[in-house]
Amino acid sequence: MKKLQNILIFLLLNVFAWANSNLHFVPDYLESTQNPFNSHTIKITSALLNEVDLELGDEIGVFDGDICVGAGIVEETLSTNNMLEIPASAQNGDIPGFTSGNEISYRFWDASSSSEILNISASYLQGSGIFNQLSSSYVSLEAEFSNEYYIEITDGCDLPDSNIKGYMHLSSDGSVFYKTPTTIGGFQFDVDGATVSSGSGGDAGTAGLNVSAAGSFVLAFSMSGATIPVGCGTLTNLSLNGDATGLSNIIVSDATANPI
């Protein structure tokens, strides 16, 4: 039996290796295609949060109402010489996207605080703040960080909605929150800035998944095919040593060991 367990864990890890994704904002059209349709290209010349440039790992989402139509991740300080270019996809039949004539809105993801910030001011240098197919806009963005204008994550159900991606978030007390659009058969991740003594409870414990920890690495799987259903909540509770800053290398599989 021990040999069989080792084989099963090896197979799970190899399937998991295809599933890693770190972006917070996921454009809705990616559920159907990798290619934006008749895009309105947003060229961001600056992005400030409390008068400070967005940092490495922060993200900018482009929205038409509640539909995410484009997104980008900040890799270095933005300027007119180093713009972040985001193609926003138009609606194409049943594939979601922007509607021409609608107002463009933006959201920031502040990676350091794991906060989604909604109240973004946009100043257009060229083009307009109205969606149009096959067009472009140059814009500078700015937001003030306050409790009124960001989404604090205190439960898995506070995480973004998506039909194509699940989310995890580590709270300060070691609770791992999650939201998933499909059943979860196993998961693994690294805890940044801390080591893990154990993982227990949460919906993983309720479902019967085995959660183990080694150093900063956490792995959960089921020998019996147990799964966590579609939904949101607390995935597991970690006992941490050190000041954790978040999760990385998040990898998840569904009930049949297919990557999510």
C-alpha atoms as a PDB file:
ATOM      1  CA  MET A   1       0.000   0.000   0.000  1.00  0.00           C
ATOM      2  CA  LYS A   2       2.838   2.413   0.791  1.00  0.00           C
ATOM      3  CA  LYS A   3       4.278   1.887  -2.694  1.00  0.00           C
ATOM      4  CA  LEU A   4       0.848   2.587  -4.220  1.00  0.00           C
ATOM      5  CA  GLN A   5       0.513   5.778  -2.199  1.00  0.00           C
ATOM      6  CA  ASN A   6       3.883   6.998  -3.440  1.00  0.00           C
ATOM      7  CA  ILE A   7       2.865   6.319  -7.039  1.00  0.00           C
ATOM      8  CA  LEU A   8      -0.427   8.168  -6.610  1.00  0.00           C
ATOM      9  CA  ILE A   9       1.272  11.188  -5.065  1.00  0.00           C
ATOM     10  CA  PHE A  10       3.799  11.224  -7.903  1.00  0.00           C
ATOM     11  CA  LEU A  11       0.996  11.156 -10.470  1.00  0.00           C
ATOM     12  CA  LEU A  12      -0.846  13.981  -8.719  1.00  0.00           C
ATOM     13  CA  LEU A  13       2.249  16.147  -8.638  1.00  0.00           C
ATOM     14  CA  ASN A  14       2.871  15.643 -12.328  1.00  0.00           C
ATOM     15  CA  VAL A  15      -0.707  16.592 -13.204  1.00  0.00           C
ATOM     16  CA  PHE A  16      -0.546  19.613 -10.892  1.00  0.00           C
ATOM     17  CA  ALA A  17       2.513  20.950 -12.678  1.00  0.00           C
ATOM     18  CA  TRP A  18       0.365  22.122 -15.585  1.00  0.00           C
ATOM     19  CA  ALA A  19      -2.053  24.163 -13.513  1.00  0.00           C
ATOM     20  CA  ASN A  20      -0.119  27.086 -12.055  1.00  0.00           C
ATOM     21  CA  SER A  21      -1.518  30.587 -12.609  1.00  0.00           C
ATOM     22  CA  ASN A  22      -0.837  33.683 -10.526  1.00  0.00           C
ATOM     23  CA  LEU A  23      -2.987  36.448 -12.030  1.00  0.00           C
ATOM     24  CA  HIS A  24      -5.806  37.923  -9.945  1.00  0.00           C
ATOM     25  CA  PHE A  25      -7.707  39.513 -12.842  1.00  0.00           C
ATOM     26  CA  VAL A  26      -8.726  37.026 -15.537  1.00  0.00           C
ATOM     27  CA  PRO A  27     -10.522  38.376 -18.642  1.00  0.00           C
ATOM     28  CA  ASP A  28     -13.812  36.546 -19.192  1.00  0.00           C
ATOM     29  CA  TYR A  29     -13.145  35.854 -22.870  1.00  0.00           C
ATOM     30  CA  LEU A  30     -10.277  33.509 -21.939  1.00  0.00           C
ATOM     31  CA  GLU A  31     -12.850  30.867 -21.105  1.00  0.00           C
ATOM     32  CA  SER A  32     -13.404  30.465 -24.862  1.00  0.00           C
ATOM     33  CA  THR A  33     -10.316  31.801 -26.659  1.00  0.00           C
ATOM     34  CA  GLN A  34      -6.822  33.133 -26.058  1.00  0.00           C
ATOM     35  CA  ASN A  35      -7.273  35.881 -28.657  1.00  0.00           C
ATOM     36  CA  PRO A  36      -9.078  39.162 -27.901  1.00  0.00           C
ATOM     37  CA  PHE A  37     -11.677  40.166 -30.503  1.00  0.00           C
ATOM     38  CA  ASN A  38     -11.498  43.562 -32.248  1.00  0.00           C
ATOM     39  CA  SER A  39      -9.664  44.897 -29.235  1.00  0.00           C
ATOM     40  CA  HIS A  40      -9.652  48.367 -27.780  1.00  0.00           C
ATOM     41  CA  THR A  41      -6.013  48.690 -26.727  1.00  0.00           C
ATOM     42  CA  ILE A  42      -5.466  50.445 -23.406  1.00  0.00           C
ATOM     43  CA  LYS A  43      -1.976  51.934 -23.041  1.00  0.00           C
ATOM     44  CA  ILE A  44      -1.308  52.890 -19.432  1.00  0.00           C
ATOM     45  CA  THR A  45       1.331  55.568 -18.994  1.00  0.00           C
ATOM     46  CA  SER A  46       1.244  55.692 -15.187  1.00  0.00           C
ATOM     47  CA  ALA A  47      -0.597  54.031 -12.326  1.00  0.00           C
ATOM     48  CA  LEU A  48      -0.487  55.497  -8.815  1.00  0.00           C
ATOM     49  CA  LEU A  49      -1.889  54.226  -5.537  1.00  0.00           C
ATOM     50  CA  ASN A  50      -1.793  56.837  -2.781  1.00  0.00           C
ATOM     51  CA  GLU A  51       0.580  58.848  -4.998  1.00  0.00           C
ATOM     52  CA  VAL A  52       3.023  55.916  -5.219  1.00  0.00           C
ATOM     53  CA  ASP A  53       3.688  53.924  -8.397  1.00  0.00           C
ATOM     54  CA  LEU A  54       2.200  50.459  -8.551  1.00  0.00           C
ATOM     55  CA  GLU A  55       4.842  47.855  -7.751  1.00  0.00           C
ATOM     56  CA  LEU A  56       6.074  44.607  -9.246  1.00  0.00           C
ATOM     57  CA  GLY A  57       3.277  42.049  -9.061  1.00  0.00           C
ATOM     58  CA  ASP A  58       0.422  44.550  -8.821  1.00  0.00           C
ATOM     59  CA  GLU A  59      -2.259  44.216 -11.490  1.00  0.00           C
ATOM     60  CA  ILE A  60      -4.635  46.387 -13.487  1.00  0.00           C
ATOM     61  CA  GLY A  61      -7.965  45.070 -14.722  1.00  0.00           C
ATOM     62  CA  VAL A  62     -10.039  46.674 -17.479  1.00  0.00           C
ATOM     63  CA  PHE A  63     -13.792  46.304 -17.030  1.00  0.00           C
ATOM     64  CA  ASP A  64     -17.084  46.906 -18.797  1.00  0.00           C
ATOM     65  CA  GLY A  65     -19.380  46.925 -15.785  1.00  0.00           C
ATOM     66  CA  ASP A  66     -18.606  43.685 -13.946  1.00  0.00           C
ATOM     67  CA  ILE A  67     -17.100  41.985 -17.021  1.00  0.00           C
ATOM     68  CA  CYS A  68     -13.316  41.790 -17.030  1.00  0.00           C
ATOM     69  CA  VAL A  69     -12.356  42.424 -20.657  1.00  0.00           C
ATOM     70  CA  GLY A  70      -8.582  42.796 -20.237  1.00  0.00           C
ATOM     71  CA  ALA A  71      -5.827  42.662 -17.614  1.00  0.00           C
ATOM     72  CA  GLY A  72      -2.128  43.222 -17.162  1.00  0.00           C
ATOM     73  CA  ILE A  73       0.535  42.777 -14.490  1.00  0.00           C
ATOM     74  CA  VAL A  74       3.023  45.473 -13.509  1.00  0.00           C
ATOM     75  CA  GLU A  75       6.618  44.371 -14.058  1.00  0.00           C
ATOM     76  CA  GLU A  76       8.344  47.746 -13.575  1.00  0.00           C
ATOM     77  CA  THR A  77       7.449  51.393 -12.990  1.00  0.00           C
ATOM     78  CA  LEU A  78       5.113  52.656 -15.702  1.00  0.00           C
ATOM     79  CA  SER A  79       5.852  55.802 -17.709  1.00  0.00           C
ATOM     80  CA  THR A  80       5.332  57.234 -21.189  1.00  0.00           C
ATOM     81  CA  ASN A  81       8.497  55.356 -22.155  1.00  0.00           C
ATOM     82  CA  ASN A  82       7.408  52.145 -20.469  1.00  0.00           C
ATOM     83  CA  MET A  83       3.669  51.719 -20.907  1.00  0.00           C
ATOM     84  CA  LEU A  84       1.567  48.731 -19.897  1.00  0.00           C
ATOM     85  CA  GLU A  85      -0.457  47.723 -22.958  1.00  0.00           C
ATOM     86  CA  ILE A  86      -3.695  45.841 -22.311  1.00  0.00           C
ATOM     87  CA  PRO A  87      -5.915  44.606 -25.170  1.00  0.00           C
ATOM     88  CA  ALA A  88      -9.578  44.782 -24.139  1.00  0.00           C
ATOM     89  CA  SER A  89     -11.724  42.296 -26.040  1.00  0.00           C
ATOM     90  CA  ALA A  90     -15.068  43.153 -27.626  1.00  0.00           C
ATOM     91  CA  GLN A  91     -18.044  40.844 -27.285  1.00  0.00           C
ATOM     92  CA  ASN A  92     -18.081  38.263 -30.052  1.00  0.00           C
ATOM     93  CA  GLY A  93     -21.356  36.347 -30.191  1.00  0.00           C
ATOM     94  CA  ASP A  94     -21.592  34.329 -26.983  1.00  0.00           C
ATOM     95  CA  ILE A  95     -17.999  35.151 -25.995  1.00  0.00           C
ATOM     96  CA  PRO A  96     -18.117  37.930 -23.369  1.00  0.00           C
ATOM     97  CA  GLY A  97     -16.381  41.251 -23.926  1.00  0.00           C
ATOM     98  CA  PHE A  98     -17.024  44.976 -23.971  1.00  0.00           C
ATOM     99  CA  THR A  99     -19.951  46.639 -25.714  1.00  0.00           C
ATOM    100  CA  SER A 100     -19.035  49.598 -27.896  1.00  0.00           C
ATOM    101  CA  GLY A 101     -20.283  52.843 -26.392  1.00  0.00           C
ATOM    102  CA  ASN A 102     -19.961  51.667 -22.789  1.00  0.00           C
ATOM    103  CA  GLU A 103     -17.688  53.424 -20.304  1.00  0.00           C
ATOM    104  CA  ILE A 104     -14.245  51.944 -19.556  1.00  0.00           C
ATOM    105  CA  SER A 105     -13.558  51.268 -15.874  1.00  0.00           C
ATOM    106  CA  TYR A 106     -10.479  50.002 -14.063  1.00  0.00           C
ATOM    107  CA  ARG A 107      -9.516  48.103 -10.942  1.00  0.00           C
ATOM    108  CA  PHE A 108      -6.176  47.695  -9.179  1.00  0.00           C
ATOM    109  CA  TRP A 109      -4.936  44.576  -7.411  1.00  0.00           C
ATOM    110  CA  ASP A 110      -2.532  45.599  -4.651  1.00  0.00           C
ATOM    111  CA  ALA A 111      -0.454  42.465  -4.171  1.00  0.00           C
ATOM    112  CA  SER A 112       1.148  43.622  -0.921  1.00  0.00           C
ATOM    113  CA  SER A 113      -2.207  43.893   0.867  1.00  0.00           C
ATOM    114  CA  SER A 114      -4.136  41.368  -1.259  1.00  0.00           C
ATOM    115  CA  SER A 115      -6.739  44.040  -1.933  1.00  0.00           C
ATOM    116  CA  GLU A 116      -8.844  44.805  -5.000  1.00  0.00           C
ATOM    117  CA  ILE A 117      -9.297  48.559  -5.363  1.00  0.00           C
ATOM    118  CA  LEU A 118     -12.302  49.815  -7.287  1.00  0.00           C
ATOM    119  CA  ASN A 119     -12.336  53.624  -7.270  1.00  0.00           C
ATOM    120  CA  ILE A 120      -9.815  54.426 -10.021  1.00  0.00           C
ATOM    121  CA  SER A 121      -9.526  57.894 -11.579  1.00  0.00           C
ATOM    122  CA  ALA A 122      -8.560  57.926 -15.271  1.00  0.00           C
ATOM    123  CA  SER A 123      -7.018  60.821 -17.206  1.00  0.00           C
ATOM    124  CA  TYR A 124      -6.884  60.271 -20.950  1.00  0.00           C
ATOM    125  CA  LEU A 125      -3.910  61.649 -22.854  1.00  0.00           C
ATOM    126  CA  GLN A 126      -5.236  60.376 -26.182  1.00  0.00           C
ATOM    127  CA  GLY A 127      -8.381  58.527 -27.133  1.00  0.00           C
ATOM    128  CA  SER A 128     -11.401  58.367 -24.850  1.00  0.00           C
ATOM    129  CA  GLY A 129     -12.865  56.509 -21.898  1.00  0.00           C
ATOM    130  CA  ILE A 130     -15.530  54.898 -24.079  1.00  0.00           C
ATOM    131  CA  PHE A 131     -15.111  51.420 -25.542  1.00  0.00           C
ATOM    132  CA  ASN A 132     -14.825  51.171 -29.324  1.00  0.00           C
ATOM    133  CA  GLN A 133     -13.683  48.262 -31.455  1.00  0.00           C
ATOM    134  CA  LEU A 134     -10.279  48.472 -33.131  1.00  0.00           C
ATOM    135  CA  SER A 135      -9.261  51.626 -31.288  1.00  0.00           C
ATOM    136  CA  SER A 136      -6.823  52.695 -28.583  1.00  0.00           C
ATOM    137  CA  SER A 137      -6.558  54.995 -25.581  1.00  0.00           C
ATOM    138  CA  TYR A 138      -3.583  56.359 -23.657  1.00  0.00           C
ATOM    139  CA  VAL A 139      -4.410  56.815 -19.982  1.00  0.00           C
ATOM    140  CA  SER A 140      -2.905  57.571 -16.592  1.00  0.00           C
ATOM    141  CA  LEU A 141      -4.578  56.002 -13.557  1.00  0.00           C
ATOM    142  CA  GLU A 142      -4.672  57.000  -9.913  1.00  0.00           C
ATOM    143  CA  ALA A 143      -6.438  55.768  -6.796  1.00  0.00           C
ATOM    144  CA  GLU A 144      -6.567  56.605  -3.101  1.00  0.00           C
ATOM    145  CA  PHE A 145      -6.488  53.597  -0.796  1.00  0.00           C
ATOM    146  CA  SER A 146      -9.215  53.667   1.858  1.00  0.00           C
ATOM    147  CA  ASN A 147     -11.630  51.220   3.451  1.00  0.00           C
ATOM    148  CA  GLU A 148     -14.389  52.632   1.263  1.00  0.00           C
ATOM    149  CA  TYR A 149     -12.763  51.702  -2.022  1.00  0.00           C
ATOM    150  CA  TYR A 150     -11.206  48.293  -1.630  1.00  0.00           C
ATOM    151  CA  ILE A 151     -12.451  44.779  -1.111  1.00  0.00           C
ATOM    152  CA  GLU A 152     -11.158  43.274   2.122  1.00  0.00           C
ATOM    153  CA  ILE A 153     -10.917  39.501   1.966  1.00  0.00           C
ATOM    154  CA  THR A 154     -12.234  37.994   5.199  1.00  0.00           C
ATOM    155  CA  ASP A 155     -13.849  34.903   3.680  1.00  0.00           C
ATOM    156  CA  GLY A 156     -13.440  32.834   0.540  1.00  0.00           C
ATOM    157  CA  CYS A 157     -16.678  34.236  -0.827  1.00  0.00           C
ATOM    158  CA  ASP A 158     -15.039  37.701  -0.945  1.00  0.00           C
ATOM    159  CA  LEU A 159     -12.703  36.463  -3.688  1.00  0.00           C
ATOM    160  CA  PRO A 160     -13.442  37.325  -7.346  1.00  0.00           C
ATOM    161  CA  ASP A 161     -16.028  35.440  -9.369  1.00  0.00           C
ATOM    162  CA  SER A 162     -14.750  33.542 -12.391  1.00  0.00           C
ATOM    163  CA  ASN A 163     -15.972  30.685 -14.538  1.00  0.00           C
ATOM    164  CA  ILE A 164     -12.448  29.718 -15.554  1.00  0.00           C
ATOM    165  CA  LYS A 165     -10.254  30.170 -12.497  1.00  0.00           C
ATOM    166  CA  GLY A 166     -10.209  29.357  -8.799  1.00  0.00           C
ATOM    167  CA  TYR A 167      -8.613  31.567  -6.151  1.00  0.00           C
ATOM    168  CA  MET A 168      -6.819  31.120  -2.837  1.00  0.00           C
ATOM    169  CA  HIS A 169      -5.902  33.697  -0.216  1.00  0.00           C
ATOM    170  CA  LEU A 170      -3.896  33.330   3.009  1.00  0.00           C
ATOM    171  CA  SER A 171      -5.186  35.313   5.989  1.00  0.00           C
ATOM    172  CA  SER A 172      -3.021  36.591   8.830  1.00  0.00           C
ATOM    173  CA  ASP A 173      -4.213  33.827  11.167  1.00  0.00           C
ATOM    174  CA  GLY A 174      -3.253  31.016   8.775  1.00  0.00           C
ATOM    175  CA  SER A 175      -6.677  30.377   7.268  1.00  0.00           C
ATOM    176  CA  VAL A 176      -6.555  29.635   3.547  1.00  0.00           C
ATOM    177  CA  PHE A 177      -9.663  30.991   1.838  1.00  0.00           C
ATOM    178  CA  TYR A 178     -10.766  29.740  -1.581  1.00  0.00           C
ATOM    179  CA  LYS A 179     -13.318  30.131  -4.345  1.00  0.00           C
ATOM    180  CA  THR A 180     -13.569  27.511  -7.063  1.00  0.00           C
ATOM    181  CA  PRO A 181     -15.705  27.120 -10.216  1.00  0.00           C
ATOM    182  CA  THR A 182     -15.161  23.352 -10.256  1.00  0.00           C
ATOM    183  CA  THR A 183     -14.674  20.525  -7.780  1.00  0.00           C
ATOM    184  CA  ILE A 184     -11.250  20.249  -6.142  1.00  0.00           C
ATOM    185  CA  GLY A 185      -9.621  16.853  -5.823  1.00  0.00           C
ATOM    186  CA  GLY A 186      -6.231  18.047  -4.585  1.00  0.00           C
ATOM    187  CA  PHE A 187      -3.991  21.073  -4.253  1.00  0.00           C
ATOM    188  CA  GLN A 188      -0.494  22.219  -3.408  1.00  0.00           C
ATOM    189  CA  PHE A 189       1.229  25.539  -2.759  1.00  0.00           C
ATOM    190  CA  ASP A 190       4.165  27.238  -1.067  1.00  0.00           C
ATOM    191  CA  VAL A 191       3.767  29.636   1.854  1.00  0.00           C
ATOM    192  CA  ASP A 192       5.976  32.681   1.398  1.00  0.00           C
ATOM    193  CA  GLY A 193       7.858  33.978   4.431  1.00  0.00           C
ATOM    194  CA  ALA A 194       6.999  31.174   6.844  1.00  0.00           C
ATOM    195  CA  THR A 195       7.132  27.442   7.444  1.00  0.00           C
ATOM    196  CA  VAL A 196       4.093  25.280   8.078  1.00  0.00           C
ATOM    197  CA  SER A 197       3.758  22.901  11.030  1.00  0.00           C
ATOM    198  CA  SER A 198       0.442  21.422   9.955  1.00  0.00           C
ATOM    199  CA  GLY A 199      -2.764  21.926   8.016  1.00  0.00           C
ATOM    200  CA  SER A 200      -6.170  20.865   9.280  1.00  0.00           C
ATOM    201  CA  GLY A 201      -9.869  21.570   9.264  1.00  0.00           C
ATOM    202  CA  GLY A 202     -11.649  23.692   6.708  1.00  0.00           C
ATOM    203  CA  ASP A 203     -13.512  22.242   3.763  1.00  0.00           C
ATOM    204  CA  ALA A 204     -10.524  20.054   2.878  1.00  0.00           C
ATOM    205  CA  GLY A 205     -10.850  18.347   6.271  1.00  0.00           C
ATOM    206  CA  THR A 206     -14.616  18.059   5.944  1.00  0.00           C
ATOM    207  CA  ALA A 207     -14.265  16.444   2.509  1.00  0.00           C
ATOM    208  CA  GLY A 208     -11.661  13.961   3.775  1.00  0.00           C
ATOM    209  CA  LEU A 209      -8.587  15.240   1.932  1.00  0.00           C
ATOM    210  CA  ASN A 210      -5.217  14.482   3.509  1.00  0.00           C
ATOM    211  CA  VAL A 211      -3.314  17.712   4.156  1.00  0.00           C
ATOM    212  CA  SER A 212       0.422  17.466   4.832  1.00  0.00           C
ATOM    213  CA  ALA A 213       3.167  20.053   5.246  1.00  0.00           C
ATOM    214  CA  ALA A 214       6.939  20.048   4.855  1.00  0.00           C
ATOM    215  CA  GLY A 215       8.823  23.296   5.383  1.00  0.00           C
ATOM    216  CA  SER A 216       6.883  25.937   3.467  1.00  0.00           C
ATOM    217  CA  PHE A 217       5.236  23.367   1.167  1.00  0.00           C
ATOM    218  CA  VAL A 218       1.627  22.170   1.593  1.00  0.00           C
ATOM    219  CA  LEU A 219       0.069  19.236  -0.269  1.00  0.00           C
ATOM    220  CA  ALA A 220      -3.483  17.886  -0.113  1.00  0.00           C
ATOM    221  CA  PHE A 221      -4.946  14.864  -1.878  1.00  0.00           C
ATOM    222  CA  SER A 222      -7.445  12.062  -1.437  1.00  0.00           C
ATOM    223  CA  MET A 223      -6.844   8.334  -1.696  1.00  0.00           C
ATOM    224  CA  SER A 224     -10.579   7.666  -1.990  1.00  0.00           C
ATOM    225  CA  GLY A 225     -11.579  10.212  -4.634  1.00  0.00           C
ATOM    226  CA  ALA A 226     -13.022  12.699  -2.143  1.00  0.00           C
ATOM    227  CA  THR A 227     -13.588  16.208  -3.477  1.00  0.00           C
ATOM    228  CA  ILE A 228     -14.423  19.732  -2.372  1.00  0.00           C
ATOM    229  CA  PRO A 229     -17.514  20.947  -4.266  1.00  0.00           C
ATOM    230  CA  VAL A 230     -17.896  24.130  -6.294  1.00  0.00           C
ATOM    231  CA  GLY A 231     -18.151  27.096  -3.974  1.00  0.00           C
ATOM    232  CA  CYS A 232     -16.173  29.194  -1.521  1.00  0.00           C
ATOM    233  CA  GLY A 233     -15.060  29.214   2.091  1.00  0.00           C
ATOM    234  CA  THR A 234     -12.072  28.140   4.172  1.00  0.00           C
ATOM    235  CA  LEU A 235      -9.938  25.526   2.447  1.00  0.00           C
ATOM    236  CA  THR A 236      -7.706  24.608   5.387  1.00  0.00           C
ATOM    237  CA  ASN A 237      -6.168  26.138   8.498  1.00  0.00           C
ATOM    238  CA  LEU A 238      -2.382  26.310   8.694  1.00  0.00           C
ATOM    239  CA  SER A 239      -0.178  26.436  11.777  1.00  0.00           C
ATOM    240  CA  LEU A 240       2.557  28.873  10.750  1.00  0.00           C
ATOM    241  CA  ASN A 241       6.031  29.639  12.020  1.00  0.00           C
ATOM    242  CA  GLY A 242       7.074  33.123  10.919  1.00  0.00           C
ATOM    243  CA  ASP A 243       5.350  36.027   9.222  1.00  0.00           C
ATOM    244  CA  ALA A 244       3.734  34.695   6.067  1.00  0.00           C
ATOM    245  CA  THR A 245       3.327  37.136   3.195  1.00  0.00           C
ATOM    246  CA  GLY A 246       1.133  35.021   0.919  1.00  0.00           C
ATOM    247  CA  LEU A 247       0.893  31.897  -1.226  1.00  0.00           C
ATOM    248  CA  SER A 248       2.826  31.083  -4.384  1.00  0.00           C
ATOM    249  CA  ASN A 249       3.084  28.228  -6.896  1.00  0.00           C
ATOM    250  CA  ILE A 250      -0.606  27.460  -6.372  1.00  0.00           C
ATOM    251  CA  ILE A 251      -1.534  24.280  -8.223  1.00  0.00           C
ATOM    252  CA  VAL A 252      -4.913  22.533  -8.142  1.00  0.00           C
ATOM    253  CA  SER A 253      -6.547  19.462  -9.707  1.00  0.00           C
ATOM    254  CA  ASP A 254     -10.173  18.447 -10.097  1.00  0.00           C
ATOM    255  CA  ALA A 255     -11.836  15.172  -9.125  1.00  0.00           C
ATOM    256  CA  THR A 256     -10.279  13.289 -12.036  1.00  0.00           C
ATOM    257  CA  ALA A 257      -6.789  14.775 -11.565  1.00  0.00           C
ATOM    258  CA  ASN A 258      -7.209  17.211 -14.435  1.00  0.00           C
ATOM    259  CA  PRO A 259      -5.667  20.647 -13.915  1.00  0.00           C
ATOM    260  CA  ILE A 260      -7.893  23.602 -13.051  1.00  0.00           C
END
